[in-house]
């Protein structure tokens, strides 16, 4: 279960509570009462380096967002990933000019006005679990391996 509180404008930090447990408890052995809260940041421009991205471990996600009056009314998740250093990973590997995944790169070039990068610092020890659970829940278009 994921509950979201979304900001009305891009670049706003949001809080997301990720409930670890429920259906995943049997598979992962997670305490059904364990809760992790992450502070998500949204960046509308996914081109090039951005000093606002922290150099720490975390989860990042690319989304195609339709907004009306600044409020997200539709979010289509395209890719969810993890990194031990978000700034380095996003700047070097997931920039629209350097992206190795050709489908993700094409999408980034086709929809730059609606493309957003979401990221949240996550403890390195939780990266695999959080990424897997988010990919299973969101079913992003370009994450085929973890579904």
N, C-alpha and C. Protein backbone atom coordinates (compact mmCIF):
# COMPACT_ATOMS: atom_id res chain seq x y z
N UNK A 1 0.85 -1.18 0.00
CA UNK A 1 0.00 0.00 0.00
C UNK A 1 0.89 1.23 0.00
N UNK A 2 0.58 2.16 -0.88
CA UNK A 2 1.33 3.39 -0.95
C UNK A 2 0.33 4.53 -0.86
N UNK A 3 0.53 5.44 0.07
CA UNK A 3 -0.33 6.62 0.13
C UNK A 3 0.51 7.82 -0.22
N UNK A 4 -0.05 8.71 -1.06
CA UNK A 4 0.73 9.84 -1.55
C UNK A 4 0.06 11.16 -1.17
N UNK A 5 0.87 12.12 -0.91
CA UNK A 5 0.42 13.50 -0.78
C UNK A 5 1.22 14.29 -1.79
N UNK A 6 0.60 14.75 -2.85
CA UNK A 6 1.31 15.37 -3.95
C UNK A 6 1.26 16.88 -3.87
N UNK A 7 2.39 17.52 -4.14
CA UNK A 7 2.43 18.97 -4.21
C UNK A 7 1.75 19.45 -5.48
N UNK A 8 1.33 20.70 -5.53
CA UNK A 8 0.64 21.21 -6.70
C UNK A 8 1.59 21.65 -7.79
N UNK A 9 2.82 21.92 -7.49
CA UNK A 9 3.75 22.35 -8.51
C UNK A 9 4.99 21.49 -8.49
N UNK A 10 5.61 21.36 -9.64
CA UNK A 10 6.84 20.57 -9.73
C UNK A 10 7.92 21.23 -8.90
N UNK A 11 8.84 20.43 -8.42
CA UNK A 11 9.92 20.94 -7.61
C UNK A 11 9.57 20.99 -6.14
N UNK A 12 8.38 20.55 -5.80
CA UNK A 12 7.93 20.57 -4.41
C UNK A 12 8.21 19.21 -3.80
N UNK A 13 8.73 19.20 -2.58
CA UNK A 13 8.93 17.95 -1.88
C UNK A 13 7.58 17.44 -1.40
N UNK A 14 7.40 16.14 -1.44
CA UNK A 14 6.18 15.53 -0.97
C UNK A 14 6.53 14.41 0.00
N UNK A 15 5.61 14.02 0.81
CA UNK A 15 5.82 12.91 1.73
C UNK A 15 5.05 11.70 1.21
N UNK A 16 5.67 10.56 1.20
CA UNK A 16 5.02 9.33 0.81
C UNK A 16 5.29 8.30 1.89
N UNK A 17 4.25 7.65 2.33
CA UNK A 17 4.41 6.60 3.32
C UNK A 17 4.30 5.27 2.61
N UNK A 18 5.28 4.45 2.76
CA UNK A 18 5.30 3.14 2.14
C UNK A 18 5.09 2.12 3.23
N UNK A 19 3.99 1.39 3.13
CA UNK A 19 3.69 0.34 4.10
C UNK A 19 4.31 -0.94 3.60
N UNK A 20 5.25 -1.45 4.34
CA UNK A 20 5.89 -2.71 3.98
C UNK A 20 5.16 -3.82 4.71
N UNK A 21 4.60 -4.72 3.97
CA UNK A 21 3.86 -5.81 4.60
C UNK A 21 2.68 -6.20 3.74
N UNK A 22 1.61 -6.63 4.36
CA UNK A 22 0.43 -7.05 3.63
C UNK A 22 0.73 -8.28 2.80
N UNK A 23 0.41 -8.22 1.49
CA UNK A 23 0.62 -9.37 0.61
C UNK A 23 2.09 -9.72 0.49
N UNK A 24 2.97 -8.74 0.65
CA UNK A 24 4.40 -9.00 0.49
C UNK A 24 5.01 -9.67 1.72
N UNK A 25 4.29 -9.71 2.83
CA UNK A 25 4.85 -10.22 4.06
C UNK A 25 5.33 -11.66 3.92
N UNK A 26 4.52 -12.51 3.32
CA UNK A 26 4.89 -13.91 3.18
C UNK A 26 6.12 -14.11 2.31
N UNK A 27 6.23 -13.32 1.24
CA UNK A 27 7.35 -13.49 0.31
C UNK A 27 8.65 -12.92 0.87
N UNK A 28 8.57 -11.80 1.56
CA UNK A 28 9.79 -11.10 1.97
C UNK A 28 10.09 -11.23 3.46
N UNK A 29 9.15 -11.72 4.24
CA UNK A 29 9.37 -11.82 5.67
C UNK A 29 9.44 -10.48 6.34
N UNK A 30 8.66 -9.51 5.88
CA UNK A 30 8.69 -8.16 6.42
C UNK A 30 7.66 -8.03 7.53
N UNK A 31 8.01 -7.30 8.54
CA UNK A 31 7.08 -7.00 9.62
C UNK A 31 5.89 -6.25 9.04
N UNK A 32 4.65 -6.77 9.18
CA UNK A 32 3.49 -6.12 8.58
C UNK A 32 3.21 -4.74 9.17
N UNK A 33 3.82 -4.40 10.29
CA UNK A 33 3.59 -3.10 10.90
C UNK A 33 4.70 -2.10 10.60
N UNK A 34 5.72 -2.54 9.84
CA UNK A 34 6.85 -1.65 9.53
C UNK A 34 6.40 -0.59 8.53
N UNK A 35 6.74 0.65 8.81
CA UNK A 35 6.41 1.76 7.91
C UNK A 35 7.67 2.57 7.66
N UNK A 36 7.88 2.89 6.40
CA UNK A 36 8.98 3.77 6.03
C UNK A 36 8.37 5.00 5.38
N UNK A 37 8.83 6.16 5.74
CA UNK A 37 8.36 7.39 5.14
C UNK A 37 9.52 8.05 4.40
N UNK A 38 9.28 8.41 3.15
CA UNK A 38 10.30 9.03 2.32
C UNK A 38 9.84 10.41 1.91
N UNK A 39 10.77 11.29 1.71
CA UNK A 39 10.48 12.63 1.24
C UNK A 39 10.82 12.70 -0.25
N UNK A 40 9.80 12.74 -1.09
CA UNK A 40 9.98 12.75 -2.54
C UNK A 40 10.14 14.17 -3.05
N UNK A 41 11.01 14.32 -4.04
CA UNK A 41 11.20 15.60 -4.72
C UNK A 41 10.90 15.38 -6.19
N UNK A 42 10.25 16.35 -6.81
CA UNK A 42 9.88 16.27 -8.21
C UNK A 42 10.65 17.34 -8.99
N UNK A 43 11.27 16.92 -10.08
CA UNK A 43 11.99 17.85 -10.95
C UNK A 43 11.40 17.73 -12.35
N UNK A 44 10.89 18.83 -12.91
CA UNK A 44 10.27 18.75 -14.23
C UNK A 44 11.28 18.61 -15.37
N UNK A 45 12.49 19.08 -15.21
CA UNK A 45 13.48 19.04 -16.28
C UNK A 45 14.41 17.85 -16.05
N UNK A 46 14.37 16.88 -16.95
CA UNK A 46 15.19 15.68 -16.76
C UNK A 46 16.44 15.71 -17.63
N UNK A 47 16.78 16.88 -18.16
CA UNK A 47 17.96 17.01 -19.02
C UNK A 47 19.15 17.52 -18.22
N UNK A 48 20.25 16.79 -18.29
CA UNK A 48 21.50 17.27 -17.72
C UNK A 48 21.62 17.14 -16.22
N UNK A 49 22.69 17.70 -15.71
CA UNK A 49 23.00 17.61 -14.29
C UNK A 49 22.14 18.59 -13.50
N UNK A 50 21.80 18.20 -12.28
CA UNK A 50 20.98 19.04 -11.44
C UNK A 50 21.56 19.03 -10.03
N UNK A 51 21.98 20.18 -9.51
CA UNK A 51 22.58 20.21 -8.18
C UNK A 51 21.59 19.92 -7.06
N UNK A 52 20.29 19.90 -7.37
CA UNK A 52 19.28 19.61 -6.35
C UNK A 52 19.17 18.12 -6.03
N UNK A 53 19.80 17.29 -6.82
CA UNK A 53 19.75 15.85 -6.58
C UNK A 53 20.84 15.50 -5.57
N UNK A 54 20.48 14.86 -4.46
CA UNK A 54 21.48 14.56 -3.43
C UNK A 54 22.43 13.44 -3.86
N UNK A 55 23.65 13.50 -3.37
CA UNK A 55 24.66 12.47 -3.64
C UNK A 55 24.56 11.40 -2.55
N UNK A 56 23.41 10.75 -2.46
CA UNK A 56 23.21 9.70 -1.47
C UNK A 56 22.32 8.62 -2.07
N UNK A 57 22.17 7.51 -1.38
CA UNK A 57 21.39 6.40 -1.90
C UNK A 57 19.92 6.75 -1.96
N UNK A 58 19.23 6.15 -2.93
CA UNK A 58 17.81 6.43 -3.03
C UNK A 58 17.14 5.77 -4.21
N UNK A 59 15.86 6.07 -4.35
CA UNK A 59 15.02 5.56 -5.42
C UNK A 59 14.68 6.74 -6.33
N UNK A 60 14.66 6.49 -7.64
CA UNK A 60 14.25 7.51 -8.58
C UNK A 60 13.21 6.93 -9.51
N UNK A 61 12.36 7.78 -10.05
CA UNK A 61 11.30 7.32 -10.94
C UNK A 61 11.03 8.38 -11.99
N UNK A 62 10.84 7.91 -13.22
CA UNK A 62 10.45 8.80 -14.30
C UNK A 62 8.96 8.62 -14.54
N UNK A 63 8.28 9.74 -14.72
CA UNK A 63 6.83 9.70 -14.91
C UNK A 63 6.42 10.66 -16.01
N UNK A 64 5.35 10.30 -16.69
CA UNK A 64 4.70 11.21 -17.62
C UNK A 64 3.50 11.77 -16.86
N UNK A 65 3.54 13.07 -16.59
CA UNK A 65 2.55 13.69 -15.72
C UNK A 65 1.72 14.70 -16.50
N UNK A 66 0.42 14.55 -16.39
CA UNK A 66 -0.51 15.53 -16.95
C UNK A 66 -0.99 16.38 -15.79
N UNK A 67 -0.81 17.69 -15.92
CA UNK A 67 -1.20 18.62 -14.85
C UNK A 67 -2.28 19.56 -15.35
N UNK A 68 -3.14 19.93 -14.44
CA UNK A 68 -4.13 20.94 -14.72
C UNK A 68 -4.05 21.96 -13.60
N UNK A 69 -3.80 23.21 -13.95
CA UNK A 69 -3.60 24.28 -12.97
C UNK A 69 -2.50 23.92 -11.98
N UNK A 70 -1.47 23.21 -12.47
CA UNK A 70 -0.35 22.84 -11.63
C UNK A 70 -0.53 21.57 -10.83
N UNK A 71 -1.72 21.03 -10.78
CA UNK A 71 -1.98 19.82 -9.99
C UNK A 71 -1.87 18.58 -10.88
N UNK A 72 -1.14 17.56 -10.43
CA UNK A 72 -1.06 16.33 -11.24
C UNK A 72 -2.42 15.62 -11.25
N UNK A 73 -2.96 15.44 -12.45
CA UNK A 73 -4.25 14.74 -12.54
C UNK A 73 -4.09 13.33 -13.11
N UNK A 74 -2.94 13.08 -13.73
CA UNK A 74 -2.66 11.74 -14.24
C UNK A 74 -1.15 11.52 -14.21
N UNK A 75 -0.75 10.38 -13.66
CA UNK A 75 0.67 10.02 -13.62
C UNK A 75 0.83 8.62 -14.21
N UNK A 76 1.65 8.54 -15.26
CA UNK A 76 1.98 7.25 -15.87
C UNK A 76 3.45 6.99 -15.55
N UNK A 77 3.72 6.00 -14.74
CA UNK A 77 5.09 5.69 -14.36
C UNK A 77 5.79 5.00 -15.51
N UNK A 78 6.99 5.47 -15.83
CA UNK A 78 7.75 4.94 -16.96
C UNK A 78 8.91 4.07 -16.52
N UNK A 79 9.61 4.46 -15.46
CA UNK A 79 10.78 3.69 -15.01
C UNK A 79 11.03 3.99 -13.54
N UNK A 80 11.34 2.97 -12.77
CA UNK A 80 11.72 3.11 -11.36
C UNK A 80 13.06 2.43 -11.19
N UNK A 81 14.00 3.12 -10.55
CA UNK A 81 15.33 2.55 -10.33
C UNK A 81 15.87 2.92 -8.96
N UNK A 82 17.02 2.36 -8.65
CA UNK A 82 17.67 2.61 -7.36
C UNK A 82 19.13 2.96 -7.63
N UNK A 83 19.74 3.63 -6.67
CA UNK A 83 21.15 3.97 -6.82
C UNK A 83 21.77 4.21 -5.46
N UNK A 84 23.06 3.89 -5.35
CA UNK A 84 23.80 4.21 -4.13
C UNK A 84 24.19 5.69 -4.11
N UNK A 85 24.17 6.35 -5.28
CA UNK A 85 24.46 7.77 -5.39
C UNK A 85 23.52 8.34 -6.45
N UNK A 86 22.41 8.93 -6.02
CA UNK A 86 21.40 9.43 -6.95
C UNK A 86 21.96 10.45 -7.94
N UNK A 87 22.72 11.43 -7.45
CA UNK A 87 23.24 12.48 -8.34
C UNK A 87 24.10 11.88 -9.44
N UNK A 88 25.00 11.00 -9.07
CA UNK A 88 25.90 10.40 -10.06
C UNK A 88 25.12 9.54 -11.05
N UNK A 89 24.19 8.71 -10.56
CA UNK A 89 23.45 7.81 -11.43
C UNK A 89 22.59 8.57 -12.42
N UNK A 90 21.89 9.58 -11.95
CA UNK A 90 20.99 10.32 -12.82
C UNK A 90 21.78 11.19 -13.80
N UNK A 91 22.84 11.82 -13.33
CA UNK A 91 23.65 12.68 -14.20
C UNK A 91 24.40 11.89 -15.27
N UNK A 92 24.93 10.73 -14.90
CA UNK A 92 25.77 9.97 -15.83
C UNK A 92 25.01 8.94 -16.64
N UNK A 93 23.99 8.35 -16.08
CA UNK A 93 23.36 7.24 -16.78
C UNK A 93 21.95 7.49 -17.25
N UNK A 94 21.21 8.31 -16.53
CA UNK A 94 19.81 8.49 -16.89
C UNK A 94 19.51 9.89 -17.38
N UNK A 95 20.47 10.53 -17.97
CA UNK A 95 20.24 11.80 -18.64
C UNK A 95 19.69 11.47 -20.02
N UNK A 96 18.81 12.30 -20.54
CA UNK A 96 18.17 12.04 -21.83
C UNK A 96 19.20 11.85 -22.94
N UNK A 97 20.35 12.48 -22.82
CA UNK A 97 21.37 12.35 -23.87
C UNK A 97 22.19 11.08 -23.71
N UNK A 98 22.26 10.50 -22.51
CA UNK A 98 23.12 9.34 -22.26
C UNK A 98 22.37 8.04 -22.01
N UNK A 99 21.06 8.08 -21.97
CA UNK A 99 20.27 6.91 -21.57
C UNK A 99 20.52 5.72 -22.48
N UNK A 100 20.90 4.58 -21.88
CA UNK A 100 21.18 3.36 -22.64
C UNK A 100 19.90 2.64 -23.05
N UNK A 101 18.85 2.72 -22.25
CA UNK A 101 17.58 2.08 -22.57
C UNK A 101 16.93 2.90 -23.70
N UNK A 102 16.92 2.33 -24.91
CA UNK A 102 16.48 3.11 -26.08
C UNK A 102 15.01 3.52 -25.98
N UNK A 103 14.16 2.68 -25.43
CA UNK A 103 12.74 3.05 -25.30
C UNK A 103 12.55 4.19 -24.32
N UNK A 104 13.26 4.15 -23.20
CA UNK A 104 13.18 5.24 -22.23
C UNK A 104 13.73 6.53 -22.83
N UNK A 105 14.84 6.44 -23.57
CA UNK A 105 15.42 7.62 -24.21
C UNK A 105 14.45 8.22 -25.23
N UNK A 106 13.81 7.38 -26.04
CA UNK A 106 12.82 7.87 -27.01
C UNK A 106 11.67 8.57 -26.30
N UNK A 107 11.19 7.97 -25.22
CA UNK A 107 10.09 8.58 -24.46
C UNK A 107 10.52 9.94 -23.91
N UNK A 108 11.74 10.02 -23.34
CA UNK A 108 12.24 11.29 -22.80
C UNK A 108 12.29 12.37 -23.87
N UNK A 109 12.67 11.99 -25.09
CA UNK A 109 12.76 12.97 -26.18
C UNK A 109 11.40 13.35 -26.74
N UNK A 110 10.45 12.42 -26.72
CA UNK A 110 9.11 12.69 -27.26
C UNK A 110 8.25 13.55 -26.35
N UNK A 111 8.41 13.41 -25.05
CA UNK A 111 7.51 14.07 -24.10
C UNK A 111 8.25 14.92 -23.07
N UNK A 112 9.14 15.79 -23.50
CA UNK A 112 9.92 16.54 -22.50
C UNK A 112 9.07 17.46 -21.62
N UNK A 113 7.97 17.98 -22.13
CA UNK A 113 7.15 18.90 -21.33
C UNK A 113 6.38 18.18 -20.23
N UNK A 114 6.09 16.89 -20.43
CA UNK A 114 5.31 16.15 -19.44
C UNK A 114 6.17 15.15 -18.65
N UNK A 115 7.47 15.11 -18.94
CA UNK A 115 8.36 14.17 -18.25
C UNK A 115 8.84 14.78 -16.94
N UNK A 116 8.77 13.99 -15.88
CA UNK A 116 9.24 14.43 -14.57
C UNK A 116 10.11 13.36 -13.95
N UNK A 117 11.05 13.81 -13.15
CA UNK A 117 11.91 12.91 -12.38
C UNK A 117 11.51 13.05 -10.92
N UNK A 118 11.19 11.95 -10.29
CA UNK A 118 10.87 11.90 -8.86
C UNK A 118 12.00 11.14 -8.19
N UNK A 119 12.44 11.60 -7.04
CA UNK A 119 13.46 10.86 -6.31
C UNK A 119 13.29 11.07 -4.82
N UNK A 120 13.80 10.08 -4.07
CA UNK A 120 13.74 10.14 -2.61
C UNK A 120 14.96 9.44 -2.05
N UNK A 121 15.63 10.05 -1.10
CA UNK A 121 16.70 9.35 -0.40
C UNK A 121 16.13 8.17 0.37
N UNK A 122 16.79 7.03 0.25
CA UNK A 122 16.37 5.80 0.90
C UNK A 122 17.63 5.14 1.46
N UNK A 123 17.58 4.62 2.68
CA UNK A 123 18.77 3.95 3.20
C UNK A 123 19.22 2.83 2.26
N UNK A 124 20.52 2.72 2.09
CA UNK A 124 21.07 1.73 1.17
C UNK A 124 20.59 0.32 1.48
N UNK A 125 20.39 0.02 2.75
CA UNK A 125 19.94 -1.33 3.15
C UNK A 125 18.51 -1.63 2.70
N UNK A 126 17.72 -0.61 2.34
CA UNK A 126 16.33 -0.79 1.94
C UNK A 126 16.11 -0.67 0.44
N UNK A 127 17.16 -0.35 -0.33
CA UNK A 127 17.00 -0.07 -1.76
C UNK A 127 16.34 -1.20 -2.53
N UNK A 128 16.85 -2.41 -2.40
CA UNK A 128 16.31 -3.53 -3.19
C UNK A 128 14.84 -3.77 -2.88
N UNK A 129 14.50 -3.78 -1.62
CA UNK A 129 13.12 -4.05 -1.20
C UNK A 129 12.17 -2.96 -1.68
N UNK A 130 12.54 -1.71 -1.48
CA UNK A 130 11.66 -0.59 -1.86
C UNK A 130 11.49 -0.55 -3.38
N UNK A 131 12.59 -0.71 -4.13
CA UNK A 131 12.49 -0.70 -5.59
C UNK A 131 11.56 -1.81 -6.07
N UNK A 132 11.76 -3.02 -5.58
CA UNK A 132 10.95 -4.15 -6.02
C UNK A 132 9.46 -3.93 -5.71
N UNK A 133 9.17 -3.43 -4.52
CA UNK A 133 7.77 -3.22 -4.16
C UNK A 133 7.14 -2.10 -5.00
N UNK A 134 7.87 -1.03 -5.24
CA UNK A 134 7.34 0.05 -6.07
C UNK A 134 7.12 -0.40 -7.51
N UNK A 135 8.05 -1.17 -8.07
CA UNK A 135 7.89 -1.65 -9.44
C UNK A 135 6.68 -2.57 -9.54
N UNK A 136 6.51 -3.46 -8.57
CA UNK A 136 5.34 -4.35 -8.58
C UNK A 136 4.03 -3.57 -8.48
N UNK A 137 4.04 -2.53 -7.66
CA UNK A 137 2.82 -1.74 -7.46
C UNK A 137 2.51 -0.82 -8.64
N UNK A 138 3.52 -0.12 -9.15
CA UNK A 138 3.31 0.90 -10.19
C UNK A 138 3.30 0.33 -11.60
N UNK A 139 3.93 -0.84 -11.82
CA UNK A 139 4.04 -1.46 -13.14
C UNK A 139 4.51 -0.46 -14.22
N UNK A 140 5.68 0.18 -14.02
CA UNK A 140 6.16 1.14 -15.01
C UNK A 140 6.45 0.48 -16.36
N UNK A 141 6.25 1.25 -17.42
CA UNK A 141 6.37 0.73 -18.80
C UNK A 141 7.74 0.11 -19.10
N UNK A 142 8.81 0.69 -18.58
CA UNK A 142 10.15 0.26 -18.98
C UNK A 142 10.89 -0.57 -17.93
N UNK A 143 10.21 -1.03 -16.90
CA UNK A 143 10.79 -1.96 -15.92
C UNK A 143 10.20 -3.34 -16.21
N UNK A 144 10.88 -4.11 -16.94
CA UNK A 144 10.34 -5.42 -17.30
C UNK A 144 10.88 -6.49 -16.35
N UNK A 145 12.13 -6.36 -15.94
CA UNK A 145 12.79 -7.36 -15.10
C UNK A 145 12.12 -7.62 -13.77
N UNK A 146 11.70 -6.57 -13.05
CA UNK A 146 11.22 -6.74 -11.68
C UNK A 146 9.73 -6.99 -11.56
N UNK A 147 9.00 -7.00 -12.63
CA UNK A 147 7.55 -7.19 -12.54
C UNK A 147 7.26 -8.59 -12.09
